[in-house]
Amino acid sequence: VRATPGERPAVGDGRHTFEADLIVAA
């Protein structure tokens, strides 16, 4: 999970990065 100040949050699976305004960890 990317939670870097100043950047949009994102998650990755090692191959692709999924960026969005909101990440919901369910």
mmCIF file of all heavy atoms, coordinates in Angstrom:
data_MODEL
# 
_entry.id   MODEL 
# 
loop_
_atom_site.group_PDB 
_atom_site.id 
_atom_site.type_symbol 
_atom_site.label_atom_id 
_atom_site.label_alt_id 
_atom_site.label_comp_id 
_atom_site.label_asym_id 
_atom_site.label_entity_id 
_atom_site.label_seq_id 
_atom_site.pdbx_PDB_ins_code 
_atom_site.Cartn_x 
_atom_site.Cartn_y 
_atom_site.Cartn_z 
_atom_site.occupancy 
_atom_site.B_iso_or_equiv 
_atom_site.pdbx_formal_charge 
_atom_site.auth_seq_id 
_atom_site.auth_comp_id 
_atom_site.auth_asym_id 
_atom_site.auth_atom_id 
_atom_site.pdbx_PDB_model_num 
ATOM 1   N N   . VAL A 1 1  ? 0.858   -1.180  0.000   1.00 0.00 ? 1  VAL A N   1 
ATOM 2   C CA  . VAL A 1 1  ? 0.000   0.000   0.000   1.00 0.00 ? 1  VAL A CA  1 
ATOM 3   C C   . VAL A 1 1  ? 0.898   1.235   0.000   1.00 0.00 ? 1  VAL A C   1 
ATOM 4   O O   . VAL A 1 1  ? 1.910   1.280   0.707   1.00 0.00 ? 1  VAL A O   1 
ATOM 5   C CB  . VAL A 1 1  ? -0.953  0.012   1.224   1.00 0.00 ? 1  VAL A CB  1 
ATOM 6   C CG1 . VAL A 1 1  ? -0.186  -0.073  2.540   1.00 0.00 ? 1  VAL A CG1 1 
ATOM 7   C CG2 . VAL A 1 1  ? -1.845  1.247   1.208   1.00 0.00 ? 1  VAL A CG2 1 
ATOM 8   N N   . ARG A 1 2  ? 0.528   2.227   -0.801  1.00 0.00 ? 2  ARG A N   1 
ATOM 9   C CA  . ARG A 1 2  ? 1.283   3.481   -0.841  1.00 0.00 ? 2  ARG A CA  1 
ATOM 10  C C   . ARG A 1 2  ? 0.503   4.538   -0.079  1.00 0.00 ? 2  ARG A C   1 
ATOM 11  O O   . ARG A 1 2  ? -0.624  4.852   -0.415  1.00 0.00 ? 2  ARG A O   1 
ATOM 12  C CB  . ARG A 1 2  ? 1.494   3.937   -2.287  1.00 0.00 ? 2  ARG A CB  1 
ATOM 13  C CG  . ARG A 1 2  ? 2.414   5.153   -2.412  1.00 0.00 ? 2  ARG A CG  1 
ATOM 14  C CD  . ARG A 1 2  ? 2.588   5.549   -3.873  1.00 0.00 ? 2  ARG A CD  1 
ATOM 15  N NE  . ARG A 1 2  ? 1.371   6.174   -4.401  1.00 0.00 ? 2  ARG A NE  1 
ATOM 16  C CZ  . ARG A 1 2  ? 1.099   6.271   -5.705  1.00 0.00 ? 2  ARG A CZ  1 
ATOM 17  N NH1 . ARG A 1 2  ? 1.928   5.753   -6.598  1.00 0.00 ? 2  ARG A NH1 1 
ATOM 18  N NH2 . ARG A 1 2  ? -0.002  6.871   -6.102  1.00 0.00 ? 2  ARG A NH2 1 
ATOM 19  N N   . ALA A 1 3  ? 1.112   5.046   0.967   1.00 0.00 ? 3  ALA A N   1 
ATOM 20  C CA  . ALA A 1 3  ? 0.478   6.086   1.789   1.00 0.00 ? 3  ALA A CA  1 
ATOM 21  C C   . ALA A 1 3  ? 1.473   7.213   2.011   1.00 0.00 ? 3  ALA A C   1 
ATOM 22  O O   . ALA A 1 3  ? 1.768   7.613   3.132   1.00 0.00 ? 3  ALA A O   1 
ATOM 23  C CB  . ALA A 1 3  ? 0.024   5.493   3.119   1.00 0.00 ? 3  ALA A CB  1 
ATOM 24  N N   . THR A 1 4  ? 1.989   7.743   0.895   1.00 0.00 ? 4  THR A N   1 
ATOM 25  C CA  . THR A 1 4  ? 3.019   8.780   0.924   1.00 0.00 ? 4  THR A CA  1 
ATOM 26  C C   . THR A 1 4  ? 2.383   10.164  0.946   1.00 0.00 ? 4  THR A C   1 
ATOM 27  O O   . THR A 1 4  ? 1.502   10.446  0.129   1.00 0.00 ? 4  THR A O   1 
ATOM 28  C CB  . THR A 1 4  ? 3.923   8.665   -0.318  1.00 0.00 ? 4  THR A CB  1 
ATOM 29  O OG1 . THR A 1 4  ? 4.416   7.328   -0.408  1.00 0.00 ? 4  THR A OG1 1 
ATOM 30  C CG2 . THR A 1 4  ? 5.080   9.635   -0.227  1.00 0.00 ? 4  THR A CG2 1 
ATOM 31  N N   . PRO A 1 5  ? 2.777   11.027  1.870   1.00 0.00 ? 5  PRO A N   1 
ATOM 32  C CA  . PRO A 1 5  ? 2.219   12.385  1.901   1.00 0.00 ? 5  PRO A CA  1 
ATOM 33  C C   . PRO A 1 5  ? 2.375   13.082  0.548   1.00 0.00 ? 5  PRO A C   1 
ATOM 34  O O   . PRO A 1 5  ? 3.415   12.993  -0.094  1.00 0.00 ? 5  PRO A O   1 
ATOM 35  C CB  . PRO A 1 5  ? 3.043   13.084  2.988   1.00 0.00 ? 5  PRO A CB  1 
ATOM 36  C CG  . PRO A 1 5  ? 3.528   11.973  3.863   1.00 0.00 ? 5  PRO A CG  1 
ATOM 37  C CD  . PRO A 1 5  ? 3.757   10.811  2.953   1.00 0.00 ? 5  PRO A CD  1 
ATOM 38  N N   . GLY A 1 6  ? 1.309   13.731  0.137   1.00 0.00 ? 6  GLY A N   1 
ATOM 39  C CA  . GLY A 1 6  ? 1.351   14.477  -1.112  1.00 0.00 ? 6  GLY A CA  1 
ATOM 40  C C   . GLY A 1 6  ? 0.982   13.680  -2.337  1.00 0.00 ? 6  GLY A C   1 
ATOM 41  O O   . GLY A 1 6  ? 0.798   14.254  -3.420  1.00 0.00 ? 6  GLY A O   1 
ATOM 42  N N   . GLU A 1 7  ? 0.874   12.351  -2.220  1.00 0.00 ? 7  GLU A N   1 
ATOM 43  C CA  . GLU A 1 7  ? 0.508   11.513  -3.357  1.00 0.00 ? 7  GLU A CA  1 
ATOM 44  C C   . GLU A 1 7  ? -0.849  10.852  -3.115  1.00 0.00 ? 7  GLU A C   1 
ATOM 45  O O   . GLU A 1 7  ? -1.293  10.705  -1.979  1.00 0.00 ? 7  GLU A O   1 
ATOM 46  C CB  . GLU A 1 7  ? 1.560   10.424  -3.585  1.00 0.00 ? 7  GLU A CB  1 
ATOM 47  C CG  . GLU A 1 7  ? 2.930   10.930  -3.967  1.00 0.00 ? 7  GLU A CG  1 
ATOM 48  C CD  . GLU A 1 7  ? 3.846   9.784   -4.359  1.00 0.00 ? 7  GLU A CD  1 
ATOM 49  O OE1 . GLU A 1 7  ? 3.521   9.080   -5.338  1.00 0.00 ? 7  GLU A OE1 1 
ATOM 50  O OE2 . GLU A 1 7  ? 4.861   9.580   -3.665  1.00 0.00 ? 7  GLU A OE2 1 
ATOM 51  N N   . ARG A 1 8  ? -1.488  10.459  -4.196  1.00 0.00 ? 8  ARG A N   1 
ATOM 52  C CA  . ARG A 1 8  ? -2.743  9.719   -4.065  1.00 0.00 ? 8  ARG A CA  1 
ATOM 53  C C   . ARG A 1 8  ? -2.444  8.327   -3.519  1.00 0.00 ? 8  ARG A C   1 
ATOM 54  O O   . ARG A 1 8  ? -1.421  7.729   -3.829  1.00 0.00 ? 8  ARG A O   1 
ATOM 55  C CB  . ARG A 1 8  ? -3.436  9.598   -5.425  1.00 0.00 ? 8  ARG A CB  1 
ATOM 56  C CG  . ARG A 1 8  ? -3.873  10.928  -6.013  1.00 0.00 ? 8  ARG A CG  1 
ATOM 57  C CD  . ARG A 1 8  ? -4.438  10.702  -7.407  1.00 0.00 ? 8  ARG A CD  1 
ATOM 58  N NE  . ARG A 1 8  ? -5.800  10.181  -7.362  1.00 0.00 ? 8  ARG A NE  1 
ATOM 59  C CZ  . ARG A 1 8  ? -6.348  9.420   -8.304  1.00 0.00 ? 8  ARG A CZ  1 
ATOM 60  N NH1 . ARG A 1 8  ? -5.607  9.010   -9.324  1.00 0.00 ? 8  ARG A NH1 1 
ATOM 61  N NH2 . ARG A 1 8  ? -7.610  9.030   -8.224  1.00 0.00 ? 8  ARG A NH2 1 
ATOM 62  N N   . PRO A 1 9  ? -3.323  7.805   -2.704  1.00 0.00 ? 9  PRO A N   1 
ATOM 63  C CA  . PRO A 1 9  ? -3.091  6.460   -2.163  1.00 0.00 ? 9  PRO A CA  1 
ATOM 64  C C   . PRO A 1 9  ? -3.186  5.416   -3.271  1.00 0.00 ? 9  PRO A C   1 
ATOM 65  O O   . PRO A 1 9  ? -3.853  5.607   -4.292  1.00 0.00 ? 9  PRO A O   1 
ATOM 66  C CB  . PRO A 1 9  ? -4.211  6.293   -1.134  1.00 0.00 ? 9  PRO A CB  1 
ATOM 67  C CG  . PRO A 1 9  ? -5.286  7.222   -1.601  1.00 0.00 ? 9  PRO A CG  1 
ATOM 68  C CD  . PRO A 1 9  ? -4.584  8.399   -2.213  1.00 0.00 ? 9  PRO A CD  1 
ATOM 69  N N   . ALA A 1 10 ? -2.511  4.300   -3.062  1.00 0.00 ? 10 ALA A N   1 
ATOM 70  C CA  . ALA A 1 10 ? -2.498  3.233   -4.058  1.00 0.00 ? 10 ALA A CA  1 
ATOM 71  C C   . ALA A 1 10 ? -2.149  1.913   -3.397  1.00 0.00 ? 10 ALA A C   1 
ATOM 72  O O   . ALA A 1 10 ? -1.564  1.876   -2.306  1.00 0.00 ? 10 ALA A O   1 
ATOM 73  C CB  . ALA A 1 10 ? -1.492  3.547   -5.169  1.00 0.00 ? 10 ALA A CB  1 
ATOM 74  N N   . VAL A 1 11 ? -2.520  0.822   -4.065  1.00 0.00 ? 11 VAL A N   1 
ATOM 75  C CA  . VAL A 1 11 ? -2.114  -0.515  -3.661  1.00 0.00 ? 11 VAL A CA  1 
ATOM 76  C C   . VAL A 1 11 ? -1.498  -1.199  -4.873  1.00 0.00 ? 11 VAL A C   1 
ATOM 77  O O   . VAL A 1 11 ? -1.748  -0.814  -6.023  1.00 0.00 ? 11 VAL A O   1 
ATOM 78  C CB  . VAL A 1 11 ? -3.303  -1.351  -3.118  1.00 0.00 ? 11 VAL A CB  1 
ATOM 79  C CG1 . VAL A 1 11 ? -3.810  -0.780  -1.811  1.00 0.00 ? 11 VAL A CG1 1 
ATOM 80  C CG2 . VAL A 1 11 ? -4.422  -1.448  -4.148  1.00 0.00 ? 11 VAL A CG2 1 
ATOM 81  N N   . GLY A 1 12 ? -0.685  -2.220  -4.610  1.00 0.00 ? 12 GLY A N   1 
ATOM 82  C CA  . GLY A 1 12 ? -0.037  -2.924  -5.704  1.00 0.00 ? 12 GLY A CA  1 
ATOM 83  C C   . GLY A 1 12 ? 0.049   -4.404  -5.437  1.00 0.00 ? 12 GLY A C   1 
ATOM 84  O O   . GLY A 1 12 ? 0.060   -4.841  -4.278  1.00 0.00 ? 12 GLY A O   1 
ATOM 85  N N   . ASP A 1 13 ? 0.119   -5.182  -6.522  1.00 0.00 ? 13 ASP A N   1 
ATOM 86  C CA  . ASP A 1 13 ? 0.256   -6.636  -6.400  1.00 0.00 ? 13 ASP A CA  1 
ATOM 87  C C   . ASP A 1 13 ? 1.609   -7.128  -6.875  1.00 0.00 ? 13 ASP A C   1 
ATOM 88  O O   . ASP A 1 13 ? 1.805   -8.332  -7.067  1.00 0.00 ? 13 ASP A O   1 
ATOM 89  C CB  . ASP A 1 13 ? -0.857  -7.339  -7.178  1.00 0.00 ? 13 ASP A CB  1 
ATOM 90  C CG  . ASP A 1 13 ? -0.766  -7.122  -8.681  1.00 0.00 ? 13 ASP A CG  1 
ATOM 91  O OD1 . ASP A 1 13 ? 0.053   -6.284  -9.117  1.00 0.00 ? 13 ASP A OD1 1 
ATOM 92  O OD2 . ASP A 1 13 ? -1.506  -7.799  -9.423  1.00 0.00 ? 13 ASP A OD2 1 
ATOM 93  N N   . GLY A 1 14 ? 2.553   -6.222  -7.070  1.00 0.00 ? 14 GLY A N   1 
ATOM 94  C CA  . GLY A 1 14 ? 3.865   -6.594  -7.561  1.00 0.00 ? 14 GLY A CA  1 
ATOM 95  C C   . GLY A 1 14 ? 4.018   -6.436  -9.054  1.00 0.00 ? 14 GLY A C   1 
ATOM 96  O O   . GLY A 1 14 ? 5.136   -6.365  -9.573  1.00 0.00 ? 14 GLY A O   1 
ATOM 97  N N   . ARG A 1 15 ? 2.898   -6.374  -9.759  1.00 0.00 ? 15 ARG A N   1 
ATOM 98  C CA  . ARG A 1 15 ? 2.928   -6.168  -11.208 1.00 0.00 ? 15 ARG A CA  1 
ATOM 99  C C   . ARG A 1 15 ? 2.217   -4.884  -11.620 1.00 0.00 ? 15 ARG A C   1 
ATOM 100 O O   . ARG A 1 15 ? 2.651   -4.177  -12.512 1.00 0.00 ? 15 ARG A O   1 
ATOM 101 C CB  . ARG A 1 15 ? 2.268   -7.347  -11.928 1.00 0.00 ? 15 ARG A CB  1 
ATOM 102 C CG  . ARG A 1 15 ? 3.000   -8.679  -11.757 1.00 0.00 ? 15 ARG A CG  1 
ATOM 103 C CD  . ARG A 1 15 ? 2.222   -9.789  -12.422 1.00 0.00 ? 15 ARG A CD  1 
ATOM 104 N NE  . ARG A 1 15 ? 0.877   -9.911  -11.825 1.00 0.00 ? 15 ARG A NE  1 
ATOM 105 C CZ  . ARG A 1 15 ? -0.099  -10.664 -12.327 1.00 0.00 ? 15 ARG A CZ  1 
ATOM 106 N NH1 . ARG A 1 15 ? 0.109   -11.361 -13.431 1.00 0.00 ? 15 ARG A NH1 1 
ATOM 107 N NH2 . ARG A 1 15 ? -1.269  -10.722 -11.711 1.00 0.00 ? 15 ARG A NH2 1 
ATOM 108 N N   . HIS A 1 16 ? 1.093   -4.601  -10.930 1.00 0.00 ? 16 HIS A N   1 
ATOM 109 C CA  . HIS A 1 16 ? 0.297   -3.434  -11.266 1.00 0.00 ? 16 HIS A CA  1 
ATOM 110 C C   . HIS A 1 16 ? 0.086   -2.582  -10.016 1.00 0.00 ? 16 HIS A C   1 
ATOM 111 O O   . HIS A 1 16 ? 0.050   -3.095  -8.892  1.00 0.00 ? 16 HIS A O   1 
ATOM 112 C CB  . HIS A 1 16 ? -1.062  -3.838  -11.838 1.00 0.00 ? 16 HIS A CB  1 
ATOM 113 C CG  . HIS A 1 16 ? -0.979  -4.703  -13.054 1.00 0.00 ? 16 HIS A CG  1 
ATOM 114 N ND1 . HIS A 1 16 ? -1.062  -6.075  -12.997 1.00 0.00 ? 16 HIS A ND1 1 
ATOM 115 C CD2 . HIS A 1 16 ? -0.795  -4.386  -14.364 1.00 0.00 ? 16 HIS A CD2 1 
ATOM 116 C CE1 . HIS A 1 16 ? -0.954  -6.578  -14.213 1.00 0.00 ? 16 HIS A CE1 1 
ATOM 117 N NE2 . HIS A 1 16 ? -0.779  -5.568  -15.063 1.00 0.00 ? 16 HIS A NE2 1 
ATOM 118 N N   . THR A 1 17 ? -0.065  -1.294  -10.238 1.00 0.00 ? 17 THR A N   1 
ATOM 119 C CA  . THR A 1 17 ? -0.400  -0.353  -9.175  1.00 0.00 ? 17 THR A CA  1 
ATOM 120 C C   . THR A 1 17 ? -1.806  0.173   -9.424  1.00 0.00 ? 17 THR A C   1 
ATOM 121 O O   . THR A 1 17 ? -2.132  0.599   -10.540 1.00 0.00 ? 17 THR A O   1 
ATOM 122 C CB  . THR A 1 17 ? 0.587   0.822   -9.137  1.00 0.00 ? 17 THR A CB  1 
ATOM 123 O OG1 . THR A 1 17 ? 1.901   0.320   -8.851  1.00 0.00 ? 17 THR A OG1 1 
ATOM 124 C CG2 . THR A 1 17 ? 0.196   1.830   -8.063  1.00 0.00 ? 17 THR A CG2 1 
ATOM 125 N N   . PHE A 1 18 ? -2.619  0.145   -8.386  1.00 0.00 ? 18 PHE A N   1 
ATOM 126 C CA  . PHE A 1 18 ? -4.005  0.605   -8.478  1.00 0.00 ? 18 PHE A CA  1 
ATOM 127 C C   . PHE A 1 18 ? -4.136  1.867   -7.627  1.00 0.00 ? 18 PHE A C   1 
ATOM 128 O O   . PHE A 1 18 ? -4.104  1.797   -6.396  1.00 0.00 ? 18 PHE A O   1 
ATOM 129 C CB  . PHE A 1 18 ? -4.971  -0.476  -8.000  1.00 0.00 ? 18 PHE A CB  1 
ATOM 130 C CG  . PHE A 1 18 ? -4.862  -1.771  -8.767  1.00 0.00 ? 18 PHE A CG  1 
ATOM 131 C CD1 . PHE A 1 18 ? -3.987  -2.769  -8.343  1.00 0.00 ? 18 PHE A CD1 1 
ATOM 132 C CD2 . PHE A 1 18 ? -5.618  -1.990  -9.906  1.00 0.00 ? 18 PHE A CD2 1 
ATOM 133 C CE1 . PHE A 1 18 ? -3.875  -3.956  -9.035  1.00 0.00 ? 18 PHE A CE1 1 
ATOM 134 C CE2 . PHE A 1 18 ? -5.515  -3.182  -10.608 1.00 0.00 ? 18 PHE A CE2 1 
ATOM 135 C CZ  . PHE A 1 18 ? -4.641  -4.172  -10.181 1.00 0.00 ? 18 PHE A CZ  1 
ATOM 136 N N   . GLU A 1 19 ? -4.256  2.995   -8.293  1.00 0.00 ? 19 GLU A N   1 
ATOM 137 C CA  . GLU A 1 19 ? -4.293  4.299   -7.630  1.00 0.00 ? 19 GLU A CA  1 
ATOM 138 C C   . GLU A 1 19 ? -5.725  4.824   -7.642  1.00 0.00 ? 19 GLU A C   1 
ATOM 139 O O   . GLU A 1 19 ? -6.466  4.632   -8.598  1.00 0.00 ? 19 GLU A O   1 
ATOM 140 C CB  . GLU A 1 19 ? -3.372  5.266   -8.383  1.00 0.00 ? 19 GLU A CB  1 
ATOM 141 C CG  . GLU A 1 19 ? -3.235  6.639   -7.747  1.00 0.00 ? 19 GLU A CG  1 
ATOM 142 C CD  . GLU A 1 19 ? -2.306  7.529   -8.556  1.00 0.00 ? 19 GLU A CD  1 
ATOM 143 O OE1 . GLU A 1 19 ? -1.098  7.496   -8.313  1.00 0.00 ? 19 GLU A OE1 1 
ATOM 144 O OE2 . GLU A 1 19 ? -2.814  8.247   -9.448  1.00 0.00 ? 19 GLU A OE2 1 
ATOM 145 N N   . ALA A 1 20 ? -6.114  5.518   -6.571  1.00 0.00 ? 20 ALA A N   1 
ATOM 146 C CA  . ALA A 1 20 ? -7.474  6.060   -6.487  1.00 0.00 ? 20 ALA A CA  1 
ATOM 147 C C   . ALA A 1 20 ? -7.503  7.177   -5.456  1.00 0.00 ? 20 ALA A C   1 
ATOM 148 O O   . ALA A 1 20 ? -6.531  7.417   -4.734  1.00 0.00 ? 20 ALA A O   1 
ATOM 149 C CB  . ALA A 1 20 ? -8.465  4.967   -6.118  1.00 0.00 ? 20 ALA A CB  1 
ATOM 150 N N   . ASP A 1 21 ? -8.648  7.842   -5.389  1.00 0.00 ? 21 ASP A N   1 
ATOM 151 C CA  . ASP A 1 21 ? -8.834  8.854   -4.345  1.00 0.00 ? 21 ASP A CA  1 
ATOM 152 C C   . ASP A 1 21 ? -8.967  8.203   -2.966  1.00 0.00 ? 21 ASP A C   1 
ATOM 153 O O   . ASP A 1 21 ? -8.528  8.757   -1.962  1.00 0.00 ? 21 ASP A O   1 
ATOM 154 C CB  . ASP A 1 21 ? -10.092 9.690   -4.640  1.00 0.00 ? 21 ASP A CB  1 
ATOM 155 C CG  . ASP A 1 21 ? -10.011 10.426  -5.965  1.00 0.00 ? 21 ASP A CG  1 
ATOM 156 O OD1 . ASP A 1 21 ? -8.974  11.075  -6.217  1.00 0.00 ? 21 ASP A OD1 1 
ATOM 157 O OD2 . ASP A 1 21 ? -10.980 10.345  -6.746  1.00 0.00 ? 21 ASP A OD2 1 
ATOM 158 N N   . LEU A 1 22 ? -9.587  7.008   -2.960  1.00 0.00 ? 22 LEU A N   1 
ATOM 159 C CA  . LEU A 1 22 ? -9.857  6.329   -1.696  1.00 0.00 ? 22 LEU A CA  1 
ATOM 160 C C   . LEU A 1 22 ? -9.529  4.850   -1.838  1.00 0.00 ? 22 LEU A C   1 
ATOM 161 O O   . LEU A 1 22 ? -9.904  4.210   -2.821  1.00 0.00 ? 22 LEU A O   1 
ATOM 162 C CB  . LEU A 1 22 ? -11.336 6.483   -1.315  1.00 0.00 ? 22 LEU A CB  1 
ATOM 163 C CG  . LEU A 1 22 ? -11.812 5.744   -0.054  1.00 0.00 ? 22 LEU A CG  1 
ATOM 164 C CD1 . LEU A 1 22 ? -11.203 6.362   1.200   1.00 0.00 ? 22 LEU A CD1 1 
ATOM 165 C CD2 . LEU A 1 22 ? -13.348 5.760   0.029   1.00 0.00 ? 22 LEU A CD2 1 
ATOM 166 N N   . ILE A 1 23 ? -8.823  4.316   -0.850  1.00 0.00 ? 23 ILE A N   1 
ATOM 167 C CA  . ILE A 1 23 ? -8.569  2.878   -0.756  1.00 0.00 ? 23 ILE A CA  1 
ATOM 168 C C   . ILE A 1 23 ? -9.357  2.346   0.433   1.00 0.00 ? 23 ILE A C   1 
ATOM 169 O O   . ILE A 1 23 ? -9.234  2.864   1.552   1.00 0.00 ? 23 ILE A O   1 
ATOM 170 C CB  . ILE A 1 23 ? -7.068  2.561   -0.553  1.00 0.00 ? 23 ILE A CB  1 
ATOM 171 C CG1 . ILE A 1 23 ? -6.228  3.193   -1.668  1.00 0.00 ? 23 ILE A CG1 1 
ATOM 172 C CG2 . ILE A 1 23 ? -6.854  1.057   -0.481  1.00 0.00 ? 23 ILE A CG2 1 
ATOM 173 C CD1 . ILE A 1 23 ? -6.443  2.618   -3.033  1.00 0.00 ? 23 ILE A CD1 1 
ATOM 174 N N   . VAL A 1 24 ? -10.161 1.321   0.199   1.00 0.00 ? 24 VAL A N   1 
ATOM 175 C CA  . VAL A 1 24 ? -10.918 0.674   1.274   1.00 0.00 ? 24 VAL A CA  1 
ATOM 176 C C   . VAL A 1 24 ? -10.331 -0.710  1.498   1.00 0.00 ? 24 VAL A C   1 
ATOM 177 O O   . VAL A 1 24 ? -10.393 -1.575  0.622   1.00 0.00 ? 24 VAL A O   1 
ATOM 178 C CB  . VAL A 1 24 ? -12.415 0.564   0.935   1.00 0.00 ? 24 VAL A CB  1 
ATOM 179 C CG1 . VAL A 1 24 ? -13.161 -0.114  2.085   1.00 0.00 ? 24 VAL A CG1 1 
ATOM 180 C CG2 . VAL A 1 24 ? -13.012 1.939   0.665   1.00 0.00 ? 24 VAL A CG2 1 
ATOM 181 N N   . ALA A 1 25 ? -9.743  -0.920  2.667   1.00 0.00 ? 25 ALA A N   1 
ATOM 182 C CA  . ALA A 1 25 ? -9.156  -2.215  3.022   1.00 0.00 ? 25 ALA A CA  1 
ATOM 183 C C   . ALA A 1 25 ? -10.232 -3.077  3.661   1.00 0.00 ? 25 ALA A C   1 
ATOM 184 O O   . ALA A 1 25 ? -10.515 -2.961  4.854   1.00 0.00 ? 25 ALA A O   1 
ATOM 185 C CB  . ALA A 1 25 ? -7.980  -2.035  3.966   1.00 0.00 ? 25 ALA A CB  1 
ATOM 186 N N   . ALA A 1 26 ? -10.866 -3.922  2.828   1.00 0.00 ? 26 ALA A N   1 
ATOM 187 C CA  . ALA A 1 26 ? -11.854 -4.877  3.311   1.00 0.00 ? 26 ALA A CA  1 
ATOM 188 C C   . ALA A 1 26 ? -11.319 -6.281  3.093   1.00 0.00 ? 26 ALA A C   1 
ATOM 189 O O   . ALA A 1 26 ? -12.060 -7.208  2.747   1.00 0.00 ? 26 ALA A O   1 
ATOM 190 C CB  . ALA A 1 26 ? -13.180 -4.678  2.575   1.00 0.00 ? 26 ALA A CB  1 
# 
